[in-house]
PDB file of all heavy atoms in Angstrom:
ATOM      1  N   LEU A   1       2.819   0.546   6.580  1.00  0.00           N
ATOM      2  CA  LEU A   1       1.902  -0.561   6.801  1.00  0.00           C
ATOM      3  C   LEU A   1       1.026  -0.321   8.028  1.00  0.00           C
ATOM      4  O   LEU A   1      -0.171  -0.652   8.034  1.00  0.00           O
ATOM      5  CB  LEU A   1       2.687  -1.868   6.965  1.00  0.00           C
ATOM      6  CG  LEU A   1       3.402  -2.359   5.723  1.00  0.00           C
ATOM      7  CD1 LEU A   1       4.302  -3.561   6.062  1.00  0.00           C
ATOM      8  CD2 LEU A   1       2.414  -2.757   4.634  1.00  0.00           C
ATOM      9  N   ASP A   2       1.606   0.274   9.077  1.00  0.00           N
ATOM     10  CA  ASP A   2       0.805   0.624  10.247  1.00  0.00           C
ATOM     11  C   ASP A   2      -0.318   1.602   9.871  1.00  0.00           C
ATOM     12  O   ASP A   2      -1.460   1.469  10.342  1.00  0.00           O
ATOM     13  CB  ASP A   2       1.693   1.262  11.314  1.00  0.00           C
ATOM     14  CG  ASP A   2       2.616   0.263  12.012  1.00  0.00           C
ATOM     15  OD1 ASP A   2       2.367  -0.946  11.899  1.00  0.00           O
ATOM     16  OD2 ASP A   2       3.579   0.704  12.650  1.00  0.00           O
ATOM     17  N   ARG A   3       0.006   2.554   9.044  1.00  0.00           N
ATOM     18  CA  ARG A   3      -1.005   3.539   8.605  1.00  0.00           C
ATOM     19  C   ARG A   3      -2.043   2.865   7.743  1.00  0.00           C
ATOM     20  O   ARG A   3      -3.251   3.172   7.851  1.00  0.00           O
ATOM     21  CB  ARG A   3      -0.320   4.668   7.806  1.00  0.00           C
ATOM     22  CG  ARG A   3      -1.254   5.824   7.509  1.00  0.00           C
ATOM     23  CD  ARG A   3      -1.533   6.648   8.706  1.00  0.00           C
ATOM     24  NE  ARG A   3      -2.265   7.858   8.396  1.00  0.00           N
ATOM     25  CZ  ARG A   3      -3.569   8.011   8.529  1.00  0.00           C
ATOM     26  NH1 ARG A   3      -4.301   7.023   8.982  1.00  0.00           N
ATOM     27  NH2 ARG A   3      -4.156   9.155   8.234  1.00  0.00           N
ATOM     28  N   ALA A   4      -1.660   1.921   6.917  1.00  0.00           N
ATOM     29  CA  ALA A   4      -2.599   1.211   6.049  1.00  0.00           C
ATOM     30  C   ALA A   4      -3.573   0.402   6.906  1.00  0.00           C
ATOM     31  O   ALA A   4      -4.767   0.274   6.550  1.00  0.00           O
ATOM     32  CB  ALA A   4      -1.874   0.305   5.076  1.00  0.00           C
ATOM     33  N   ARG A   5      -3.090  -0.134   8.009  1.00  0.00           N
ATOM     34  CA  ARG A   5      -3.965  -0.946   8.870  1.00  0.00           C
ATOM     35  C   ARG A   5      -5.044  -0.113   9.545  1.00  0.00           C
ATOM     36  O   ARG A   5      -6.062  -0.645  10.041  1.00  0.00           O
ATOM     37  CB  ARG A   5      -3.132  -1.672   9.923  1.00  0.00           C
ATOM     38  CG  ARG A   5      -2.205  -2.748   9.342  1.00  0.00           C
ATOM     39  CD  ARG A   5      -1.505  -3.533  10.431  1.00  0.00           C
ATOM     40  NE  ARG A   5      -0.462  -4.391   9.880  1.00  0.00           N
ATOM     41  CZ  ARG A   5       0.823  -4.108   9.892  1.00  0.00           C
ATOM     42  NH1 ARG A   5       1.258  -2.975  10.461  1.00  0.00           N
ATOM     43  NH2 ARG A   5       1.715  -4.941   9.348  1.00  0.00           N
ATOM     44  N   GLU A   6      -4.880   1.191   9.591  1.00  0.00           N
ATOM     45  CA  GLU A   6      -5.890   2.071  10.164  1.00  0.00           C
ATOM     46  C   GLU A   6      -7.054   2.305   9.232  1.00  0.00           C
ATOM     47  O   GLU A   6      -8.110   2.807   9.641  1.00  0.00           O
ATOM     48  CB  GLU A   6      -5.273   3.411  10.551  1.00  0.00           C
ATOM     49  CG  GLU A   6      -4.171   3.309  11.597  1.00  0.00           C
ATOM     50  CD  GLU A   6      -3.465   4.639  11.828  1.00  0.00           C
ATOM     51  OE1 GLU A   6      -3.916   5.651  11.247  1.00  0.00           O
ATOM     52  OE2 GLU A   6      -2.473   4.652  12.572  1.00  0.00           O
ATOM     53  N   ILE A   7      -6.887   1.919   7.968  1.00  0.00           N
ATOM     54  CA  ILE A   7      -7.950   2.096   6.978  1.00  0.00           C
ATOM     55  C   ILE A   7      -8.879   0.884   7.044  1.00  0.00           C
ATOM     56  O   ILE A   7      -8.403  -0.239   7.015  1.00  0.00           O
ATOM     57  CB  ILE A   7      -7.351   2.243   5.566  1.00  0.00           C
ATOM     58  CG1 ILE A   7      -6.404   3.466   5.513  1.00  0.00           C
ATOM     59  CG2 ILE A   7      -8.422   2.351   4.509  1.00  0.00           C
ATOM     60  CD1 ILE A   7      -5.553   3.519   4.269  1.00  0.00           C
ATOM     61  N   PRO A   8     -10.194   1.098   7.133  1.00  0.00           N
ATOM     62  CA  PRO A   8     -11.107  -0.047   7.198  1.00  0.00           C
ATOM     63  C   PRO A   8     -10.887  -1.029   6.051  1.00  0.00           C
ATOM     64  O   PRO A   8     -10.591  -0.634   4.921  1.00  0.00           O
ATOM     65  CB  PRO A   8     -12.497   0.607   7.083  1.00  0.00           C
ATOM     66  CG  PRO A   8     -12.286   2.012   7.592  1.00  0.00           C
ATOM     67  CD  PRO A   8     -10.888   2.393   7.198  1.00  0.00           C
ATOM     68  N   GLU A   9     -10.985  -2.299   6.361  1.00  0.00           N
ATOM     69  CA  GLU A   9     -10.666  -3.364   5.399  1.00  0.00           C
ATOM     70  C   GLU A   9     -11.606  -3.353   4.207  1.00  0.00           C
ATOM     71  O   GLU A   9     -11.253  -3.827   3.127  1.00  0.00           O
ATOM     72  CB  GLU A   9     -10.680  -4.736   6.072  1.00  0.00           C
ATOM     73  CG  GLU A   9      -9.544  -4.910   7.070  1.00  0.00           C
ATOM     74  CD  GLU A   9      -9.512  -6.323   7.634  1.00  0.00           C
ATOM     75  OE1 GLU A   9     -10.338  -7.160   7.203  1.00  0.00           O
ATOM     76  OE2 GLU A   9      -8.669  -6.585   8.509  1.00  0.00           O
ATOM     77  N   ASP A  10     -12.816  -2.815   4.365  1.00  0.00           N
ATOM     78  CA  ASP A  10     -13.749  -2.778   3.238  1.00  0.00           C
ATOM     79  C   ASP A  10     -13.581  -1.546   2.355  1.00  0.00           C
ATOM     80  O   ASP A  10     -14.328  -1.326   1.411  1.00  0.00           O
ATOM     81  CB  ASP A  10     -15.206  -2.867   3.725  1.00  0.00           C
ATOM     82  CG  ASP A  10     -15.579  -1.726   4.669  1.00  0.00           C
ATOM     83  OD1 ASP A  10     -14.693  -0.964   5.083  1.00  0.00           O
ATOM     84  OD2 ASP A  10     -16.782  -1.599   4.985  1.00  0.00           O
ATOM     85  N   THR A  11     -12.580  -0.708   2.679  1.00  0.00           N
ATOM     86  CA  THR A  11     -12.286   0.465   1.865  1.00  0.00           C
ATOM     87  C   THR A  11     -11.153   0.133   0.891  1.00  0.00           C
ATOM     88  O   THR A  11     -10.094  -0.306   1.308  1.00  0.00           O
ATOM     89  CB  THR A  11     -11.823   1.662   2.753  1.00  0.00           C
ATOM     90  OG1 THR A  11     -12.886   1.958   3.675  1.00  0.00           O
ATOM     91  CG2 THR A  11     -11.507   2.877   1.901  1.00  0.00           C
ATOM     92  N   PRO A  12     -11.360   0.358  -0.417  1.00  0.00           N
ATOM     93  CA  PRO A  12     -10.279   0.085  -1.373  1.00  0.00           C
ATOM     94  C   PRO A  12      -9.064   0.948  -1.056  1.00  0.00           C
ATOM     95  O   PRO A  12      -9.182   2.121  -0.657  1.00  0.00           O
ATOM     96  CB  PRO A  12     -10.897   0.485  -2.730  1.00  0.00           C
ATOM     97  CG  PRO A  12     -12.360   0.500  -2.502  1.00  0.00           C
ATOM     98  CD  PRO A  12     -12.585   0.850  -1.057  1.00  0.00           C
ATOM     99  N   LEU A  13      -7.882   0.378  -1.271  1.00  0.00           N
ATOM    100  CA  LEU A  13      -6.631   1.028  -0.896  1.00  0.00           C
ATOM    101  C   LEU A  13      -5.735   1.160  -2.148  1.00  0.00           C
ATOM    102  O   LEU A  13      -5.594   0.213  -2.931  1.00  0.00           O
ATOM    103  CB  LEU A  13      -5.904   0.225   0.176  1.00  0.00           C
ATOM    104  CG  LEU A  13      -4.447   0.627   0.502  1.00  0.00           C
ATOM    105  CD1 LEU A  13      -4.424   1.990   1.198  1.00  0.00           C
ATOM    106  CD2 LEU A  13      -3.796  -0.430   1.372  1.00  0.00           C
ATOM    107  N   ALA A  14      -5.137   2.327  -2.314  1.00  0.00           N
ATOM    108  CA  ALA A  14      -4.103   2.550  -3.322  1.00  0.00           C
ATOM    109  C   ALA A  14      -2.967   3.315  -2.677  1.00  0.00           C
ATOM    110  O   ALA A  14      -3.095   3.811  -1.549  1.00  0.00           O
ATOM    111  CB  ALA A  14      -4.682   3.323  -4.520  1.00  0.00           C
ATOM    112  N   LEU A  15      -1.828   3.382  -3.372  1.00  0.00           N
ATOM    113  CA  LEU A  15      -0.650   4.041  -2.804  1.00  0.00           C
ATOM    114  C   LEU A  15      -0.115   5.081  -3.774  1.00  0.00           C
ATOM    115  O   LEU A  15      -0.120   4.873  -5.002  1.00  0.00           O
ATOM    116  CB  LEU A  15       0.465   3.029  -2.492  1.00  0.00           C
ATOM    117  CG  LEU A  15       0.176   2.005  -1.399  1.00  0.00           C
ATOM    118  CD1 LEU A  15      -0.285   0.702  -2.048  1.00  0.00           C
ATOM    119  CD2 LEU A  15       1.414   1.727  -0.570  1.00  0.00           C
ATOM    120  N   PHE A  16       0.405   6.178  -3.195  1.00  0.00           N
ATOM    121  CA  PHE A  16       1.050   7.250  -3.970  1.00  0.00           C
ATOM    122  C   PHE A  16       2.331   7.651  -3.271  1.00  0.00           C
ATOM    123  O   PHE A  16       2.386   7.757  -2.039  1.00  0.00           O
ATOM    124  CB  PHE A  16       0.151   8.474  -4.090  1.00  0.00           C
ATOM    125  CG  PHE A  16       0.865   9.682  -4.647  1.00  0.00           C
ATOM    126  CD1 PHE A  16       0.953   9.895  -6.002  1.00  0.00           C
ATOM    127  CD2 PHE A  16       1.478  10.615  -3.784  1.00  0.00           C
ATOM    128  CE1 PHE A  16       1.648  10.987  -6.519  1.00  0.00           C
ATOM    129  CE2 PHE A  16       2.167  11.713  -4.291  1.00  0.00           C
ATOM    130  CZ  PHE A  16       2.239  11.888  -5.677  1.00  0.00           C
ATOM    131  N   GLY A  17       3.377   7.877  -4.049  1.00  0.00           N
ATOM    132  CA  GLY A  17       4.600   8.442  -3.517  1.00  0.00           C
ATOM    133  C   GLY A  17       5.357   9.201  -4.587  1.00  0.00           C
ATOM    134  O   GLY A  17       5.249   8.853  -5.780  1.00  0.00           O
ATOM    135  N   HIS A  18       6.076  10.216  -4.164  1.00  0.00           N
ATOM    136  CA  HIS A  18       6.881  11.007  -5.104  1.00  0.00           C
ATOM    137  C   HIS A  18       8.358  10.853  -4.753  1.00  0.00           C
ATOM    138  O   HIS A  18       8.749  10.991  -3.579  1.00  0.00           O
ATOM    139  CB  HIS A  18       6.485  12.485  -5.056  1.00  0.00           C
ATOM    140  CG  HIS A  18       7.345  13.355  -5.909  1.00  0.00           C
ATOM    141  ND1 HIS A  18       7.176  13.420  -7.271  1.00  0.00           N
ATOM    142  CD2 HIS A  18       8.372  14.214  -5.613  1.00  0.00           C
ATOM    143  CE1 HIS A  18       8.052  14.270  -7.795  1.00  0.00           C
ATOM    144  NE2 HIS A  18       8.798  14.755  -6.797  1.00  0.00           N
ATOM    145  N   SER A  19       9.196  10.562  -5.742  1.00  0.00           N
ATOM    146  CA  SER A  19      10.647  10.454  -5.582  1.00  0.00           C
ATOM    147  C   SER A  19      10.975   9.428  -4.517  1.00  0.00           C
ATOM    148  O   SER A  19      10.620   8.257  -4.668  1.00  0.00           O
ATOM    149  CB  SER A  19      11.219  11.853  -5.274  1.00  0.00           C
ATOM    150  OG  SER A  19      12.600  11.903  -5.482  1.00  0.00           O
ATOM    151  N   PHE A  20      11.643   9.792  -3.413  1.00  0.00           N
ATOM    152  CA  PHE A  20      11.897   8.865  -2.321  1.00  0.00           C
ATOM    153  C   PHE A  20      10.602   8.162  -1.882  1.00  0.00           C
ATOM    154  O   PHE A  20      10.565   6.954  -1.629  1.00  0.00           O
ATOM    155  CB  PHE A  20      12.538   9.605  -1.181  1.00  0.00           C
ATOM    156  CG  PHE A  20      12.477   8.902   0.167  1.00  0.00           C
ATOM    157  CD1 PHE A  20      13.355   7.880   0.463  1.00  0.00           C
ATOM    158  CD2 PHE A  20      11.540   9.290   1.122  1.00  0.00           C
ATOM    159  CE1 PHE A  20      13.301   7.219   1.703  1.00  0.00           C
ATOM    160  CE2 PHE A  20      11.496   8.651   2.356  1.00  0.00           C
ATOM    161  CZ  PHE A  20      12.367   7.596   2.636  1.00  0.00           C
ATOM    162  N   GLY A  21       9.533   8.933  -1.784  1.00  0.00           N
ATOM    163  CA  GLY A  21       8.249   8.370  -1.378  1.00  0.00           C
ATOM    164  C   GLY A  21       7.714   7.314  -2.322  1.00  0.00           C
ATOM    165  O   GLY A  21       7.031   6.391  -1.916  1.00  0.00           O
ATOM    166  N   ALA A  22       8.044   7.459  -3.604  1.00  0.00           N
ATOM    167  CA  ALA A  22       7.606   6.461  -4.585  1.00  0.00           C
ATOM    168  C   ALA A  22       8.320   5.135  -4.380  1.00  0.00           C
ATOM    169  O   ALA A  22       7.717   4.064  -4.517  1.00  0.00           O
ATOM    170  CB  ALA A  22       7.869   6.984  -6.007  1.00  0.00           C
ATOM    171  N   LEU A  23       9.609   5.185  -4.048  1.00  0.00           N
ATOM    172  CA  LEU A  23      10.330   3.939  -3.755  1.00  0.00           C
ATOM    173  C   LEU A  23       9.736   3.268  -2.508  1.00  0.00           C
ATOM    174  O   LEU A  23       9.590   2.030  -2.485  1.00  0.00           O
ATOM    175  CB  LEU A  23      11.825   4.233  -3.542  1.00  0.00           C
ATOM    176  CG  LEU A  23      12.541   4.849  -4.720  1.00  0.00           C
ATOM    177  CD1 LEU A  23      14.009   5.170  -4.332  1.00  0.00           C
ATOM    178  CD2 LEU A  23      12.527   3.941  -5.920  1.00  0.00           C
ATOM    179  N   VAL A  24       9.408   4.065  -1.493  1.00  0.00           N
ATOM    180  CA  VAL A  24       8.794   3.508  -0.290  1.00  0.00           C
ATOM    181  C   VAL A  24       7.422   2.915  -0.612  1.00  0.00           C
ATOM    182  O   VAL A  24       7.082   1.828  -0.146  1.00  0.00           O
ATOM    183  CB  VAL A  24       8.674   4.584   0.798  1.00  0.00           C
ATOM    184  CG1 VAL A  24       7.913   4.051   2.007  1.00  0.00           C
ATOM    185  CG2 VAL A  24      10.057   5.076   1.221  1.00  0.00           C
ATOM    186  N   ALA A  25       6.626   3.624  -1.414  1.00  0.00           N
ATOM    187  CA  ALA A  25       5.305   3.111  -1.793  1.00  0.00           C
ATOM    188  C   ALA A  25       5.407   1.790  -2.557  1.00  0.00           C
ATOM    189  O   ALA A  25       4.621   0.874  -2.355  1.00  0.00           O
ATOM    190  CB  ALA A  25       4.578   4.155  -2.613  1.00  0.00           C
ATOM    191  N   HIS A  26       6.427   1.698  -3.406  1.00  0.00           N
ATOM    192  CA  HIS A  26       6.638   0.471  -4.176  1.00  0.00           C
ATOM    193  C   HIS A  26       6.948  -0.696  -3.236  1.00  0.00           C
ATOM    194  O   HIS A  26       6.404  -1.804  -3.366  1.00  0.00           O
ATOM    195  CB  HIS A  26       7.809   0.696  -5.154  1.00  0.00           C
ATOM    196  CG  HIS A  26       8.265  -0.534  -5.882  1.00  0.00           C
ATOM    197  ND1 HIS A  26       9.478  -1.089  -5.661  1.00  0.00           N
ATOM    198  CD2 HIS A  26       7.641  -1.285  -6.820  1.00  0.00           C
ATOM    199  CE1 HIS A  26       9.621  -2.169  -6.433  1.00  0.00           C
ATOM    200  NE2 HIS A  26       8.529  -2.302  -7.144  1.00  0.00           N
ATOM    201  N   GLU A  27       7.842  -0.476  -2.275  1.00  0.00           N
ATOM    202  CA  GLU A  27       8.168  -1.539  -1.322  1.00  0.00           C
ATOM    203  C   GLU A  27       6.975  -1.879  -0.416  1.00  0.00           C
ATOM    204  O   GLU A  27       6.762  -3.040  -0.078  1.00  0.00           O
ATOM    205  CB  GLU A  27       9.358  -1.110  -0.462  1.00  0.00           C
ATOM    206  CG  GLU A  27      10.661  -0.914  -1.236  1.00  0.00           C
ATOM    207  CD  GLU A  27      11.069  -2.167  -2.025  1.00  0.00           C
ATOM    208  OE1 GLU A  27      11.008  -3.276  -1.464  1.00  0.00           O
ATOM    209  OE2 GLU A  27      11.464  -2.000  -3.199  1.00  0.00           O
ATOM    210  N   THR A  28       6.189  -0.864  -0.071  1.00  0.00           N
ATOM    211  CA  THR A  28       5.002  -1.109   0.754  1.00  0.00           C
ATOM    212  C   THR A  28       4.003  -1.955  -0.027  1.00  0.00           C
ATOM    213  O   THR A  28       3.374  -2.874   0.546  1.00  0.00           O
ATOM    214  CB  THR A  28       4.364   0.221   1.169  1.00  0.00           C
ATOM    215  OG1 THR A  28       5.333   1.012   1.882  1.00  0.00           O
ATOM    216  CG2 THR A  28       3.155   0.004   2.044  1.00  0.00           C
ATOM    217  N   ALA A  29       3.841  -1.677  -1.304  1.00  0.00           N
ATOM    218  CA  ALA A  29       2.920  -2.487  -2.136  1.00  0.00           C
ATOM    219  C   ALA A  29       3.366  -3.939  -2.171  1.00  0.00           C
ATOM    220  O   ALA A  29       2.555  -4.867  -2.051  1.00  0.00           O
ATOM    221  CB  ALA A  29       2.861  -1.915  -3.534  1.00  0.00           C
ATOM    222  N   HIS A  30       4.666  -4.162  -2.295  1.00  0.00           N
ATOM    223  CA  HIS A  30       5.192  -5.542  -2.287  1.00  0.00           C
ATOM    224  C   HIS A  30       4.905  -6.229  -0.955  1.00  0.00           C
ATOM    225  O   HIS A  30       4.536  -7.414  -0.925  1.00  0.00           O
ATOM    226  CB  HIS A  30       6.697  -5.543  -2.588  1.00  0.00           C
ATOM    227  CG  HIS A  30       7.033  -5.679  -4.034  1.00  0.00           C
ATOM    228  ND1 HIS A  30       6.877  -6.839  -4.743  1.00  0.00           N
ATOM    229  CD2 HIS A  30       7.506  -4.758  -4.928  1.00  0.00           C
ATOM    230  CE1 HIS A  30       7.250  -6.660  -5.995  1.00  0.00           C
ATOM    231  NE2 HIS A  30       7.619  -5.401  -6.143  1.00  0.00           N
ATOM    232  N   ARG A  31       5.091  -5.516   0.147  1.00  0.00           N
ATOM    233  CA  ARG A  31       4.828  -6.095   1.473  1.00  0.00           C
ATOM    234  C   ARG A  31       3.351  -6.433   1.623  1.00  0.00           C
ATOM    235  O   ARG A  31       2.980  -7.461   2.201  1.00  0.00           O
ATOM    236  CB  ARG A  31       5.281  -5.148   2.563  1.00  0.00           C
ATOM    237  CG  ARG A  31       6.811  -4.978   2.678  1.00  0.00           C
ATOM    238  CD  ARG A  31       7.426  -6.042   3.610  1.00  0.00           C
ATOM    239  NE  ARG A  31       6.927  -5.918   4.956  1.00  0.00           N
ATOM    240  CZ  ARG A  31       7.406  -5.085   5.887  1.00  0.00           C
ATOM    241  NH1 ARG A  31       8.421  -4.268   5.596  1.00  0.00           N
ATOM    242  NH2 ARG A  31       6.926  -5.071   7.115  1.00  0.00           N
ATOM    243  N   LEU A  32       2.486  -5.562   1.138  1.00  0.00           N
ATOM    244  CA  LEU A  32       1.041  -5.837   1.223  1.00  0.00           C
ATOM    245  C   LEU A  32       0.671  -7.076   0.405  1.00  0.00           C
ATOM    246  O   LEU A  32      -0.090  -7.933   0.846  1.00  0.00           O
ATOM    247  CB  LEU A  32       0.248  -4.610   0.711  1.00  0.00           C
ATOM    248  CG  LEU A  32       0.212  -3.424   1.658  1.00  0.00           C
ATOM    249  CD1 LEU A  32      -0.308  -2.188   0.920  1.00  0.00           C
ATOM    250  CD2 LEU A  32      -0.667  -3.695   2.874  1.00  0.00           C
ATOM    251  N   VAL A  33       1.227  -7.152  -0.817  1.00  0.00           N
ATOM    252  CA  VAL A  33       0.929  -8.309  -1.645  1.00  0.00           C
ATOM    253  C   VAL A  33       1.479  -9.582  -1.023  1.00  0.00           C
ATOM    254  O   VAL A  33       0.801 -10.628  -1.000  1.00  0.00           O
ATOM    255  CB  VAL A  33       1.517  -8.091  -3.071  1.00  0.00           C
ATOM    256  CG1 VAL A  33       1.474  -9.369  -3.892  1.00  0.00           C
ATOM    257  CG2 VAL A  33       0.768  -6.966  -3.791  1.00  0.00           C
ATOM    258  N   ALA A  34       2.699  -9.540  -0.504  1.00  0.00           N
ATOM    259  CA  ALA A  34       3.304 -10.721   0.104  1.00  0.00           C
ATOM    260  C   ALA A  34       2.501 -11.170   1.323  1.00  0.00           C
ATOM    261  O   ALA A  34       2.401 -12.369   1.601  1.00  0.00           O
ATOM    262  CB  ALA A  34       4.740 -10.425   0.499  1.00  0.00           C
ATOM    263  N   GLY A  35       1.945 -10.212   2.048  1.00  0.00           N
ATOM    264  CA  GLY A  35       1.160 -10.571   3.224  1.00  0.00           C
ATOM    265  C   GLY A  35      -0.150 -11.215   2.884  1.00  0.00           C
ATOM    266  O   GLY A  35      -0.722 -11.950   3.693  1.00  0.00           O
ATOM    267  N   GLY A  36      -0.644 -10.938   1.667  1.00  0.00           N
ATOM    268  CA  GLY A  36      -1.831 -11.627   1.170  1.00  0.00           C
ATOM    269  C   GLY A  36      -3.159 -11.110   1.690  1.00  0.00           C
ATOM    270  O   GLY A  36      -4.207 -11.481   1.181  1.00  0.00           O
ATOM    271  N   ALA A  37      -3.139 -10.246   2.678  1.00  0.00           N
ATOM    272  CA  ALA A  37      -4.404  -9.796   3.254  1.00  0.00           C
ATOM    273  C   ALA A  37      -5.059  -8.678   2.454  1.00  0.00           C
ATOM    274  O   ALA A  37      -6.267  -8.549   2.450  1.00  0.00           O
ATOM    275  CB  ALA A  37      -4.175  -9.344   4.709  1.00  0.00           C
ATOM    276  N   ARG A  38      -4.209  -7.868   1.801  1.00  0.00           N
ATOM    277  CA  ARG A  38      -4.768  -6.696   1.134  1.00  0.00           C
ATOM    278  C   ARG A  38      -3.898  -6.311  -0.049  1.00  0.00           C
ATOM    279  O   ARG A  38      -2.773  -5.843   0.125  1.00  0.00           O
ATOM    280  CB  ARG A  38      -4.821  -5.542   2.117  1.00  0.00           C
ATOM    281  CG  ARG A  38      -5.657  -4.349   1.665  1.00  0.00           C
ATOM    282  CD  ARG A  38      -5.830  -3.386   2.831  1.00  0.00           C
ATOM    283  NE  ARG A  38      -6.999  -2.547   2.621  1.00  0.00           N
ATOM    284  CZ  ARG A  38      -7.443  -1.723   3.537  1.00  0.00           C
ATOM    285  NH1 ARG A  38      -6.855  -1.644   4.705  1.00  0.00           N
ATOM    286  NH2 ARG A  38      -8.514  -0.965   3.297  1.00  0.00           N
ATOM    287  N   VAL A  39      -4.435  -6.485  -1.241  1.00  0.00           N
ATOM    288  CA  VAL A  39      -3.699  -6.122  -2.456  1.00  0.00           C
ATOM    289  C   VAL A  39      -4.164  -4.732  -2.892  1.00  0.00           C
ATOM    290  O   VAL A  39      -5.364  -4.500  -3.023  1.00  0.00           O
ATOM    291  CB  VAL A  39      -3.955  -7.140  -3.595  1.00  0.00           C
ATOM    292  CG1 VAL A  39      -3.260  -6.696  -4.867  1.00  0.00           C
ATOM    293  CG2 VAL A  39      -3.455  -8.513  -3.184  1.00  0.00           C
ATOM    294  N   PRO A  40      -3.242  -3.791  -3.069  1.00  0.00           N
ATOM    295  CA  PRO A  40      -3.655  -2.444  -3.453  1.00  0.00           C
ATOM    296  C   PRO A  40      -4.383  -2.427  -4.815  1.00  0.00           C
ATOM    297  O   PRO A  40      -4.111  -3.249  -5.691  1.00  0.00           O
ATOM    298  CB  PRO A  40      -2.331  -1.681  -3.559  1.00  0.00           C
ATOM    299  CG  PRO A  40      -1.372  -2.483  -2.761  1.00  0.00           C
ATOM    300  CD  PRO A  40      -1.782  -3.899  -2.903  1.00  0.00           C
ATOM    301  N   GLU A  41      -5.312  -1.502  -4.942  1.00  0.00           N
ATOM    302  CA  GLU A  41      -6.024  -1.312  -6.212  1.00  0.00           C
ATOM    303  C   GLU A  41      -5.097  -0.763  -7.280  1.00  0.00           C
ATOM    304  O   GLU A  41      -5.277  -1.023  -8.482  1.00  0.00           O
ATOM    305  CB  GLU A  41      -7.197  -0.377  -6.005  1.00  0.00           C
ATOM    306  CG  GLU A  41      -8.229  -0.845  -4.999  1.00  0.00           C
ATOM    307  CD  GLU A  41      -9.084  -1.957  -5.560  1.00  0.00           C
ATOM    308  OE1 GLU A  41      -9.391  -1.961  -6.746  1.00  0.00           O
ATOM    309  OE2 GLU A  41      -9.459  -2.874  -4.750  1.00  0.00           O
ATOM    310  N   ARG A  42      -4.134   0.072  -6.852  1.00  0.00           N
ATOM    311  CA  ARG A  42      -3.227   0.726  -7.817  1.00  0.00           C
ATOM    312  C   ARG A  42      -2.038   1.281  -7.053  1.00  0.00           C
ATOM    313  O   ARG A  42      -2.164   1.661  -5.882  1.00  0.00           O
ATOM    314  CB  ARG A  42      -3.968   1.830  -8.565  1.00  0.00           C
ATOM    315  CG  ARG A  42      -3.104   2.584  -9.622  1.00  0.00           C
ATOM    316  CD  ARG A  42      -3.953   3.529 -10.456  1.00  0.00           C
ATOM    317  NE  ARG A  42      -4.903   2.805 -11.278  1.00  0.00           N
ATOM    318  CZ  ARG A  42      -4.668   2.347 -12.501  1.00  0.00           C
ATOM    319  NH1 ARG A  42      -3.480   2.580 -13.049  1.00  0.00           N
ATOM    320  NH2 ARG A  42      -5.573   1.691 -13.180  1.00  0.00           N
ATOM    321  N   LEU A  43      -0.890   1.327  -7.743  1.00  0.00           N
ATOM    322  CA  LEU A  43       0.290   2.000  -7.224  1.00  0.00           C
ATOM    323  C   LEU A  43       0.581   3.183  -8.155  1.00  0.00           C
ATOM    324  O   LEU A  43       0.695   3.013  -9.356  1.00  0.00           O
ATOM    325  CB  LEU A  43       1.489   1.052  -7.209  1.00  0.00           C
ATOM    326  CG  LEU A  43       2.873   1.668  -6.900  1.00  0.00           C
ATOM    327  CD1 LEU A  43       2.892   2.277  -5.521  1.00  0.00           C
ATOM    328  CD2 LEU A  43       3.969   0.602  -7.052  1.00  0.00           C
ATOM    329  N   VAL A  44       0.668   4.373  -7.567  1.00  0.00           N
ATOM    330  CA  VAL A  44       0.949   5.586  -8.331  1.00  0.00           C
ATOM    331  C   VAL A  44       2.336   6.078  -7.888  1.00  0.00           C
ATOM    332  O   VAL A  44       2.519   6.426  -6.716  1.00  0.00           O
ATOM    333  CB  VAL A  44      -0.097   6.687  -8.107  1.00  0.00           C
ATOM    334  CG1 VAL A  44       0.216   7.911  -8.976  1.00  0.00           C
ATOM    335  CG2 VAL A  44      -1.488   6.162  -8.393  1.00  0.00           C
TER     336      VAL A  44
END
């Protein structure tokens, strides 16, 4: 989430993770959605 906040708000955001990283990306997407400020364009 800290890394995501470094991305300008007007830039579309998506997430990618492999294996362990995919589980983390999934949880990060949920946190972003729950926060309401930035919904990812896609989760890969």
